[in-house]
């Protein structure tokens, strides 16, 4: 099929490339000329494992092209995917200006039947707005061309997006037009050959499904984080609790890992946008409000541990930081917990040496004036003479380090682990003070927990 994808951001680029991989003729449009120039020169504006190689392969086969020409893009595909950003407004609502602009361009240039597929995460009712915008443009041109509007939300995990697209657990299609439904079934058929995972529903239900899914996942994360904080106070081990509740098939193990809070491009903005939609319709989503507040508080839990250990005297201290991205296998730092930590430590007069396998370029871009923040070429390089190591992202490269080397490089054998990568008993035997999330505190034989507590209390209070 001939397919147009509007937007060369995360969702648009993955969608365009994966559709091309299965033999479709895909044209990807973006009004950002610098992005299109980069893509046409063989570069990729985002990091996603396997994406660069797949783009190169499909460009070479002439199945995937990139353009800034709006008229060309509208003429190309019978199916027009809208995959543009919907950033949050100051009030938490989704900013639909790019979605509306895309719809307006389609209406201004289309001359034959089109299926407009909204893949952007948008509030319930946006499909009706898109339909009205296109109809208005056609009316101004004196045309009565038929078209269909479809909601087809994405469920891509950053770092595993290609696998999610190629082997989806479900494909949600909100559609009330038989021709459009048949076209999308044909488009997605190669992705669901072993059994049909296409869920056909009405437009508004499809739009809400995306928000409901992210709200549910964010709720699990925040609840698990709060349970971890309680477990730590009660002397329980949240890792054992996690296994105990995850064994219940009604709960399962996914999204039960405690840490320093969620971030990224989806959960924070989608939770806010869903609350805003509810408020506009006279309903207060009390659970989601608590989820958001719990997540904001969780981003400071590691800060509290650092303050408690060093009695609040952080000026002149030097920290090693492992992990900048909000999760592994991405360079996305939007709402990343690491940013909260960095801002706080620098404000207290500390310095930081940070390492991340892929996000350091992005960190330099978004924090160009962060005096006291430096970057290392390897995990080991940032450890040299640091007063403590802080782990904020669970990259695989951090999971099985040489602890003897870490201990030799640090000025103090102290690790604050925001992702619970290691076993407290093992770290204690290796001579580390180890501060995880929601787990029993076990001190090495040469460290007195009583003296540490007295020092912290005396300085803080």
Protein backbone atom coordinates (compact mmCIF):
# COMPACT_ATOMS: atom_id res chain seq x y z
CA UNK A 1 0.00 0.00 0.00
CA UNK A 2 0.94 3.62 -0.42
CA UNK A 3 1.11 5.15 3.05
CA UNK A 4 1.91 8.65 4.28
CA UNK A 5 3.15 9.22 7.82
CA UNK A 6 3.00 12.81 9.06
CA UNK A 7 5.66 13.42 11.70
CA UNK A 8 9.19 12.02 11.94
CA UNK A 9 9.36 11.93 15.72
CA UNK A 10 9.46 8.77 17.80
CA UNK A 11 6.06 7.33 16.86
CA UNK A 12 6.09 8.53 13.27
CA UNK A 13 9.55 7.26 12.43
CA UNK A 14 9.00 3.83 13.98
CA UNK A 15 5.59 3.52 12.28
CA UNK A 16 6.91 4.57 8.86
CA UNK A 17 9.93 2.31 9.03
CA UNK A 18 8.11 -0.80 10.24
CA UNK A 19 5.39 -0.41 7.60
CA UNK A 20 8.08 -0.07 4.93
CA UNK A 21 9.81 -3.17 6.27
CA UNK A 22 6.74 -5.20 5.32
CA UNK A 23 6.76 -3.98 1.73
CA UNK A 24 4.60 -0.86 1.86
CA UNK A 25 5.51 2.29 -0.09
CA UNK A 26 5.90 4.85 2.70
CA UNK A 27 6.45 8.60 2.48
CA UNK A 28 7.26 10.33 5.77
CA UNK A 29 6.52 14.06 6.04
CA UNK A 30 7.89 16.57 8.50
CA UNK A 31 7.82 20.36 8.29
CA UNK A 32 11.13 20.47 10.18
CA UNK A 33 13.57 20.74 7.28
CA UNK A 34 16.60 19.96 9.46
CA UNK A 35 15.10 16.61 10.51
CA UNK A 36 14.31 15.61 6.94
CA UNK A 37 17.78 16.65 5.78
CA UNK A 38 19.33 14.53 8.54
CA UNK A 39 17.19 11.52 7.58
CA UNK A 40 17.95 11.91 3.88
CA UNK A 41 21.66 11.97 4.72
CA UNK A 42 21.37 8.68 6.61
CA UNK A 43 21.13 10.09 10.12
CA UNK A 44 18.42 9.39 12.72
CA UNK A 45 17.14 12.10 15.09
CA UNK A 46 16.21 9.65 17.89
CA UNK A 47 17.78 6.62 19.52
CA UNK A 48 15.91 3.35 19.28
CA UNK A 49 17.70 -0.02 19.05
CA UNK A 50 17.65 -1.40 15.52
CA UNK A 51 15.92 1.61 13.96
CA UNK A 52 18.88 3.13 12.14
CA UNK A 53 19.71 -0.13 10.35
CA UNK A 54 16.06 -0.67 9.38
CA UNK A 55 15.74 2.86 7.98
CA UNK A 56 18.92 2.39 5.94
CA UNK A 57 17.68 -0.91 4.54
CA UNK A 58 14.27 0.43 3.49
CA UNK A 59 15.66 3.65 2.03
CA UNK A 60 18.02 1.57 -0.09
CA UNK A 61 15.04 -0.47 -1.30
CA UNK A 62 13.14 2.74 -2.14
CA UNK A 63 10.27 1.73 0.17
CA UNK A 64 10.86 4.62 2.58
CA UNK A 65 11.30 8.26 1.64
CA UNK A 66 11.31 11.55 3.56
CA UNK A 67 9.96 14.93 2.46
CA UNK A 68 8.89 18.40 3.56
CA UNK A 69 6.49 18.72 0.62
CA UNK A 70 2.96 18.72 2.06
CA UNK A 71 1.13 18.47 -1.27
CA UNK A 72 3.30 15.50 -2.29
CA UNK A 73 2.64 13.72 1.00
CA UNK A 74 -1.14 14.14 0.77
CA UNK A 75 -1.19 12.93 -2.81
CA UNK A 76 0.96 9.89 -2.01
CA UNK A 77 -0.97 7.80 0.48
CA UNK A 78 -4.56 6.65 0.57
CA UNK A 79 -3.82 6.07 4.27
CA UNK A 80 -2.54 9.19 6.03
CA UNK A 81 -1.11 8.58 9.51
CA UNK A 82 -0.98 11.59 11.83
CA UNK A 83 1.88 10.96 14.25
CA UNK A 84 2.78 14.42 15.51
CA UNK A 85 3.52 15.59 19.04
CA UNK A 86 0.83 16.51 21.55
CA UNK A 87 2.89 18.22 24.28
CA UNK A 88 1.18 19.30 27.50
CA UNK A 89 -0.11 22.84 27.91
CA UNK A 90 0.54 24.67 31.17
CA UNK A 91 -2.82 23.46 32.51
CA UNK A 92 -1.97 19.82 31.75
CA UNK A 93 -4.22 19.54 28.69
CA UNK A 94 -2.86 18.14 25.42
CA UNK A 95 -1.74 20.71 22.86
CA UNK A 96 -3.48 19.72 19.62
CA UNK A 97 -2.13 22.45 17.36
CA UNK A 98 0.07 20.04 15.37
CA UNK A 99 -2.74 17.50 14.97
CA UNK A 100 -5.11 20.23 13.77
CA UNK A 101 -2.45 21.61 11.40
CA UNK A 102 -1.89 18.15 9.90
CA UNK A 103 -5.63 17.66 9.39
CA UNK A 104 -5.92 21.10 7.84
CA UNK A 105 -3.11 20.34 5.36
CA UNK A 106 -4.81 17.10 4.33
CA UNK A 107 -8.13 18.85 3.77
CA UNK A 108 -6.43 21.59 1.79
CA UNK A 109 -4.69 19.22 -0.63
CA UNK A 110 -6.72 15.99 -0.90
CA UNK A 111 -8.64 15.23 -4.07
CA UNK A 112 -9.50 11.55 -3.64
CA UNK A 113 -10.70 9.26 -0.84
CA UNK A 114 -8.38 9.30 2.17
CA UNK A 115 -8.24 7.43 5.46
CA UNK A 116 -6.87 9.75 8.14
CA UNK A 117 -5.43 7.65 10.95
CA UNK A 118 -4.67 9.44 14.19
CA UNK A 119 -1.74 7.69 15.86
CA UNK A 120 -0.90 10.62 18.14
CA UNK A 121 -2.10 10.34 21.74
CA UNK A 122 -5.09 12.68 21.81
CA UNK A 123 -8.03 13.43 24.14
CA UNK A 124 -11.33 11.68 23.57
CA UNK A 125 -13.26 13.58 20.91
CA UNK A 126 -10.23 14.66 18.88
CA UNK A 127 -11.33 12.46 15.98
CA UNK A 128 -14.50 14.51 15.67
CA UNK A 129 -12.42 17.69 15.64
CA UNK A 130 -10.12 16.29 12.93
CA UNK A 131 -13.15 15.34 10.85
CA UNK A 132 -14.60 18.86 11.21
CA UNK A 133 -11.30 20.53 10.24
CA UNK A 134 -10.96 18.45 7.07
CA UNK A 135 -14.63 18.93 6.13
CA UNK A 136 -14.24 22.68 6.56
CA UNK A 137 -11.18 22.78 4.28
CA UNK A 138 -12.99 20.75 1.64
CA UNK A 139 -16.03 23.03 1.86
CA UNK A 140 -13.84 26.09 1.33
CA UNK A 141 -12.54 24.44 -1.84
CA UNK A 142 -16.04 23.55 -2.98
CA UNK A 143 -15.27 19.81 -2.89
CA UNK A 144 -17.26 16.93 -1.51
CA UNK A 145 -14.50 14.29 -1.43
CA UNK A 146 -15.20 11.39 0.92
CA UNK A 147 -12.81 10.50 3.73
CA UNK A 148 -12.72 8.54 6.99
CA UNK A 149 -11.16 9.38 10.34
CA UNK A 150 -9.70 6.52 12.38
CA UNK A 151 -8.16 6.31 15.86
CA UNK A 152 -5.23 3.88 15.97
CA UNK A 153 -3.28 4.61 19.17
CA UNK A 154 0.29 3.38 19.53
CA UNK A 155 1.44 1.13 22.37
CA UNK A 156 5.18 1.34 21.80
CA UNK A 157 7.68 1.07 24.64
CA UNK A 158 10.75 3.21 24.14
CA UNK A 159 13.70 0.88 23.79
CA UNK A 160 11.52 -1.94 22.44
CA UNK A 161 9.40 -0.06 19.90
CA UNK A 162 10.34 -2.06 16.81
CA UNK A 163 9.52 -5.36 18.49
CA UNK A 164 6.27 -3.91 19.82
CA UNK A 165 5.24 -2.77 16.34
CA UNK A 166 6.29 -5.94 14.54
CA UNK A 167 4.81 -8.29 17.16
CA UNK A 168 1.95 -6.33 18.74
CA UNK A 169 -0.06 -7.69 21.67
CA UNK A 170 -3.04 -5.79 20.25
CA UNK A 171 -3.88 -3.33 17.49
CA UNK A 172 -6.69 -0.98 18.48
CA UNK A 173 -8.69 0.52 15.61
CA UNK A 174 -11.45 3.04 16.26
CA UNK A 175 -13.37 3.17 13.02
CA UNK A 176 -16.94 3.64 11.79
CA UNK A 177 -16.26 3.34 8.04
CA UNK A 178 -16.25 -0.10 6.41
CA UNK A 179 -13.84 0.82 3.61
CA UNK A 180 -11.36 2.30 6.06
CA UNK A 181 -11.68 -0.73 8.31
CA UNK A 182 -10.94 -3.09 5.41
CA UNK A 183 -7.88 -1.05 4.37
CA UNK A 184 -6.41 -1.07 7.89
CA UNK A 185 -7.09 -4.77 8.33
CA UNK A 186 -5.18 -5.39 5.09
CA UNK A 187 -2.34 -3.08 6.18
CA UNK A 188 -1.90 -4.78 9.55
CA UNK A 189 -2.59 -8.37 8.43
CA UNK A 190 1.14 -9.28 8.06
CA UNK A 191 1.74 -8.21 11.68
CA UNK A 192 -0.93 -10.54 13.16
CA UNK A 193 -0.63 -13.68 11.02
CA UNK A 194 -0.50 -16.25 13.83
CA UNK A 195 -3.75 -14.98 15.36
CA UNK A 196 -5.89 -11.89 14.96
CA UNK A 197 -5.10 -9.28 17.57
CA UNK A 198 -6.98 -6.43 15.91
CA UNK A 199 -9.57 -4.89 18.23
CA UNK A 200 -12.20 -2.93 16.30
CA UNK A 201 -14.19 -0.37 18.26
CA UNK A 202 -15.74 3.07 17.97
CA UNK A 203 -13.58 6.18 17.61
CA UNK A 204 -13.95 7.54 21.13
CA UNK A 205 -13.38 4.19 22.83
CA UNK A 206 -10.13 3.77 20.90
CA UNK A 207 -8.98 7.26 21.91
CA UNK A 208 -9.71 6.52 25.56
CA UNK A 209 -8.03 3.10 25.47
CA UNK A 210 -4.60 4.69 25.08
CA UNK A 211 -5.06 7.04 28.05
CA UNK A 212 -6.60 4.30 30.18
CA UNK A 213 -3.67 1.97 29.48
CA UNK A 214 -1.04 4.52 30.46
CA UNK A 215 -3.04 5.59 33.52
CA UNK A 216 -3.23 1.98 34.68
CA UNK A 217 0.50 1.40 34.22
CA UNK A 218 1.41 4.66 35.96
CA UNK A 219 -0.85 3.66 38.86
CA UNK A 220 0.95 0.34 39.29
CA UNK A 221 4.32 2.08 39.34
CA UNK A 222 3.30 4.70 41.90
CA UNK A 223 1.55 2.18 44.14
CA UNK A 224 4.59 -0.09 44.09
CA UNK A 225 6.86 2.82 44.94
CA UNK A 226 4.70 3.78 47.90
CA UNK A 227 4.65 0.16 49.09
CA UNK A 228 8.46 0.13 48.80
CA UNK A 229 8.74 3.21 50.99
CA UNK A 230 6.50 1.60 53.59
CA UNK A 231 8.35 -1.72 53.41
CA UNK A 232 11.62 0.05 54.14
CA UNK A 233 10.20 1.65 57.29
CA UNK A 234 8.66 -1.63 58.46
CA UNK A 235 11.81 -3.65 57.86
CA UNK A 236 10.30 -5.68 55.02
CA UNK A 237 12.01 -6.39 51.67
CA UNK A 238 10.02 -5.05 48.72
CA UNK A 239 11.75 -7.49 46.34
CA UNK A 240 10.29 -10.42 48.27
CA UNK A 241 6.93 -8.66 48.45
CA UNK A 242 7.04 -8.08 44.69
CA UNK A 243 7.57 -11.78 44.04
CA UNK A 244 4.80 -12.67 46.46
CA UNK A 245 2.16 -10.48 44.85
CA UNK A 246 3.40 -10.99 41.28
CA UNK A 247 2.76 -14.72 41.61
CA UNK A 248 -0.95 -13.92 41.74
CA UNK A 249 -2.12 -14.25 38.10
CA UNK A 250 -4.62 -11.45 38.69
CA UNK A 251 -1.67 -9.11 39.33
CA UNK A 252 1.32 -10.48 37.44
CA UNK A 253 4.92 -9.27 37.54
CA UNK A 254 4.89 -6.44 35.00
CA UNK A 255 5.42 -2.87 36.22
CA UNK A 256 6.00 -3.97 39.83
CA UNK A 257 9.61 -2.80 40.09
CA UNK A 258 10.06 0.03 42.61
CA UNK A 259 12.40 2.86 41.84
CA UNK A 260 12.73 6.63 41.62
CA UNK A 261 9.52 7.34 39.70
CA UNK A 262 8.39 7.28 36.10
CA UNK A 263 9.29 9.81 33.41
CA UNK A 264 9.45 9.97 29.64
CA UNK A 265 7.17 11.34 26.98
CA UNK A 266 3.99 9.38 27.80
CA UNK A 267 3.06 8.68 31.41
CA UNK A 268 3.52 12.19 32.88
CA UNK A 269 1.66 14.03 30.13
CA UNK A 270 -1.03 11.39 29.63
CA UNK A 271 -1.88 11.22 33.33
CA UNK A 272 -2.21 15.01 33.38
CA UNK A 273 -4.23 15.13 30.16
CA UNK A 274 -6.69 12.49 31.36
CA UNK A 275 -7.22 14.38 34.60
CA UNK A 276 -7.79 17.57 32.63
CA UNK A 277 -10.36 15.85 30.41
CA UNK A 278 -12.15 14.52 33.47
CA UNK A 279 -12.19 17.95 35.13
CA UNK A 280 -13.63 19.53 31.99
CA UNK A 281 -16.45 17.03 32.21
CA UNK A 282 -17.16 17.55 35.89
CA UNK A 283 -15.37 14.47 37.21
CA UNK A 284 -12.37 14.31 39.52
CA UNK A 285 -10.07 11.31 39.05
CA UNK A 286 -8.87 11.09 42.64
CA UNK A 287 -6.73 7.99 42.12
CA UNK A 288 -4.82 9.56 39.21
CA UNK A 289 -4.29 12.74 41.20
CA UNK A 290 -2.66 10.65 43.93
CA UNK A 291 -0.61 8.75 41.34
CA UNK A 292 0.86 11.97 40.00
CA UNK A 293 1.64 13.35 43.46
CA UNK A 294 3.22 10.06 44.55
CA UNK A 295 5.42 10.05 41.46
CA UNK A 296 6.62 13.61 42.06
CA UNK A 297 7.50 12.70 45.66
CA UNK A 298 9.27 9.50 44.60
CA UNK A 299 11.76 11.44 42.50
CA UNK A 300 13.09 12.94 45.73
CA UNK A 301 13.43 9.67 47.68
CA UNK A 302 17.04 9.16 46.59
CA UNK A 303 17.76 12.79 47.50
CA UNK A 304 16.44 12.16 51.00
CA UNK A 305 18.69 9.11 51.35
CA UNK A 306 21.73 11.12 50.25
CA UNK A 307 20.90 13.94 52.65
CA UNK A 308 20.35 11.52 55.50
CA UNK A 309 23.65 9.72 54.91
CA UNK A 310 25.73 12.89 54.57
CA UNK A 311 23.84 14.87 57.21
CA UNK A 312 22.67 17.43 54.66
CA UNK A 313 26.20 18.74 54.09
CA UNK A 314 26.63 18.28 50.34
CA UNK A 315 28.60 21.41 49.46
CA UNK A 316 31.95 20.47 47.98
CA UNK A 317 31.02 16.80 47.61
CA UNK A 318 31.50 14.93 44.35
CA UNK A 319 29.08 12.26 43.08
CA UNK A 320 29.32 9.68 40.32
CA UNK A 321 26.05 9.24 38.44
CA UNK A 322 25.17 6.15 36.40
CA UNK A 323 22.17 6.73 34.12
CA UNK A 324 20.57 9.87 32.69
CA UNK A 325 17.72 8.60 30.49
CA UNK A 326 14.35 7.99 32.16
CA UNK A 327 14.70 4.27 31.27
CA UNK A 328 17.25 2.05 29.49
CA UNK A 329 17.53 1.67 25.70
CA UNK A 330 16.55 5.27 24.98
CA UNK A 331 18.12 8.72 25.08
CA UNK A 332 14.84 10.30 26.21
CA UNK A 333 15.33 12.56 29.25
CA UNK A 334 11.88 14.13 29.36
CA UNK A 335 10.78 14.18 33.01
CA UNK A 336 13.67 11.85 33.85
CA UNK A 337 14.26 11.39 37.61
CA UNK A 338 17.96 12.04 37.00
CA UNK A 339 17.17 15.66 36.17
CA UNK A 340 15.61 16.24 39.59
CA UNK A 341 18.67 14.75 41.29
CA UNK A 342 21.15 16.73 39.17
CA UNK A 343 19.36 20.01 39.76
CA UNK A 344 19.28 19.42 43.51
CA UNK A 345 22.89 18.32 43.95
CA UNK A 346 24.25 21.20 41.89
CA UNK A 347 22.11 23.67 43.85
CA UNK A 348 23.64 22.32 47.06
CA UNK A 349 27.15 23.01 45.80
CA UNK A 350 28.05 19.44 44.84
CA UNK A 351 29.63 18.33 41.56
CA UNK A 352 28.66 15.38 39.38
CA UNK A 353 30.44 13.11 36.93
CA UNK A 354 27.77 11.34 34.86
CA UNK A 355 27.74 8.44 32.43
CA UNK A 356 24.95 7.08 30.23
CA UNK A 357 25.46 4.76 27.23
CA UNK A 358 23.36 6.90 24.85
CA UNK A 359 21.82 9.92 26.61
CA UNK A 360 24.83 12.16 27.23
CA UNK A 361 24.39 14.07 23.97
CA UNK A 362 20.77 14.75 24.91
CA UNK A 363 21.84 15.76 28.43
CA UNK A 364 24.29 18.31 27.03
CA UNK A 365 21.52 19.67 24.81
CA UNK A 366 18.92 20.15 27.55
CA UNK A 367 21.36 21.16 30.32
CA UNK A 368 23.97 23.25 28.49
CA UNK A 369 24.70 25.56 31.43
CA UNK A 370 24.80 23.02 34.26
CA UNK A 371 27.96 24.19 36.01
CA UNK A 372 29.45 21.35 38.01
CA UNK A 373 28.07 18.60 35.78
CA UNK A 374 30.64 16.69 33.75
CA UNK A 375 30.50 13.53 31.66
CA UNK A 376 32.72 10.46 31.44
CA UNK A 377 33.50 8.09 28.60
CA UNK A 378 32.82 4.96 30.64
CA UNK A 379 31.12 3.90 33.87
CA UNK A 380 34.52 3.52 35.50
CA UNK A 381 35.75 6.96 34.43
CA UNK A 382 33.13 8.82 36.45
CA UNK A 383 33.86 6.88 39.65
CA UNK A 384 37.31 8.36 40.27
CA UNK A 385 37.44 10.01 43.73
CA UNK A 386 33.65 10.31 43.95
CA UNK A 387 32.17 10.42 47.45
CA UNK A 388 29.37 8.07 46.34
CA UNK A 389 27.88 6.39 43.29
CA UNK A 390 24.22 7.10 42.48
CA UNK A 391 22.36 4.82 40.01
CA UNK A 392 19.30 6.28 38.28
CA UNK A 393 18.79 4.11 35.16
CA UNK A 394 18.88 0.30 34.98
CA UNK A 395 21.09 -0.11 31.91
CA UNK A 396 22.36 -3.68 31.42
CA UNK A 397 25.95 -2.45 31.51
CA UNK A 398 25.44 -1.49 35.16
CA UNK A 399 24.01 -4.83 36.29
CA UNK A 400 27.18 -6.88 36.82
CA UNK A 401 30.06 -4.49 37.52
CA UNK A 402 33.43 -5.22 39.08
CA UNK A 403 32.69 -4.19 42.66
CA UNK A 404 36.34 -4.39 43.69
CA UNK A 405 37.15 -1.87 40.95
CA UNK A 406 34.26 0.38 42.02
CA UNK A 407 35.47 0.30 45.61
CA UNK A 408 39.04 1.13 44.57
CA UNK A 409 37.96 4.10 42.43
CA UNK A 410 35.48 5.70 44.84
CA UNK A 411 36.80 7.77 47.73
CA UNK A 412 34.07 6.17 49.89
CA UNK A 413 32.45 2.78 49.28
CA UNK A 414 28.88 4.10 49.13
CA UNK A 415 26.20 3.31 46.54
CA UNK A 416 22.73 4.84 46.30
CA UNK A 417 20.71 2.59 44.00
CA UNK A 418 17.48 4.02 42.64
CA UNK A 419 16.77 0.87 40.61
CA UNK A 420 17.56 -1.99 43.05
CA UNK A 421 20.14 -3.59 40.78
CA UNK A 422 22.11 -5.41 43.46
CA UNK A 423 21.62 -7.63 46.51
CA UNK A 424 22.15 -5.77 49.81
CA UNK A 425 23.76 -8.78 51.56
CA UNK A 426 26.34 -9.19 48.80
CA UNK A 427 27.20 -5.49 48.75
CA UNK A 428 27.64 -5.47 52.53
CA UNK A 429 30.07 -8.41 52.30
CA UNK A 430 32.02 -6.45 49.68
CA UNK A 431 32.37 -3.59 52.16
CA UNK A 432 29.82 -1.18 50.63
CA UNK A 433 27.26 1.01 52.28
CA UNK A 434 24.34 0.26 49.98
CA UNK A 435 21.12 2.29 49.92
CA UNK A 436 18.43 0.71 47.68
CA UNK A 437 14.69 1.43 47.50
CA UNK A 438 12.39 -0.47 49.86
CA UNK A 439 14.91 -3.06 50.98
CA UNK A 440 16.45 -3.87 54.34
CA UNK A 441 19.49 -1.75 55.11
CA UNK A 442 22.50 -4.01 55.74
CA UNK A 443 25.74 -2.27 56.70
CA UNK A 444 29.23 -3.69 56.17
CA UNK A 445 31.02 -5.00 59.24
CA UNK A 446 33.23 -1.92 59.52
CA UNK A 447 30.31 0.53 59.59
CA UNK A 448 28.11 1.23 62.58
CA UNK A 449 24.48 1.91 61.66
CA UNK A 450 23.97 3.55 65.06
CA UNK A 451 26.76 6.09 64.54
CA UNK A 452 25.49 6.91 61.04
CA UNK A 453 21.97 7.49 62.33
CA UNK A 454 23.24 9.72 65.14
CA UNK A 455 25.35 11.81 62.74
CA UNK A 456 22.44 12.25 60.33
CA UNK A 457 19.91 13.15 62.99
CA UNK A 458 22.26 15.59 64.68
CA UNK A 459 23.00 17.45 61.45
CA UNK A 460 19.49 17.43 60.02
CA UNK A 461 17.64 18.39 63.16
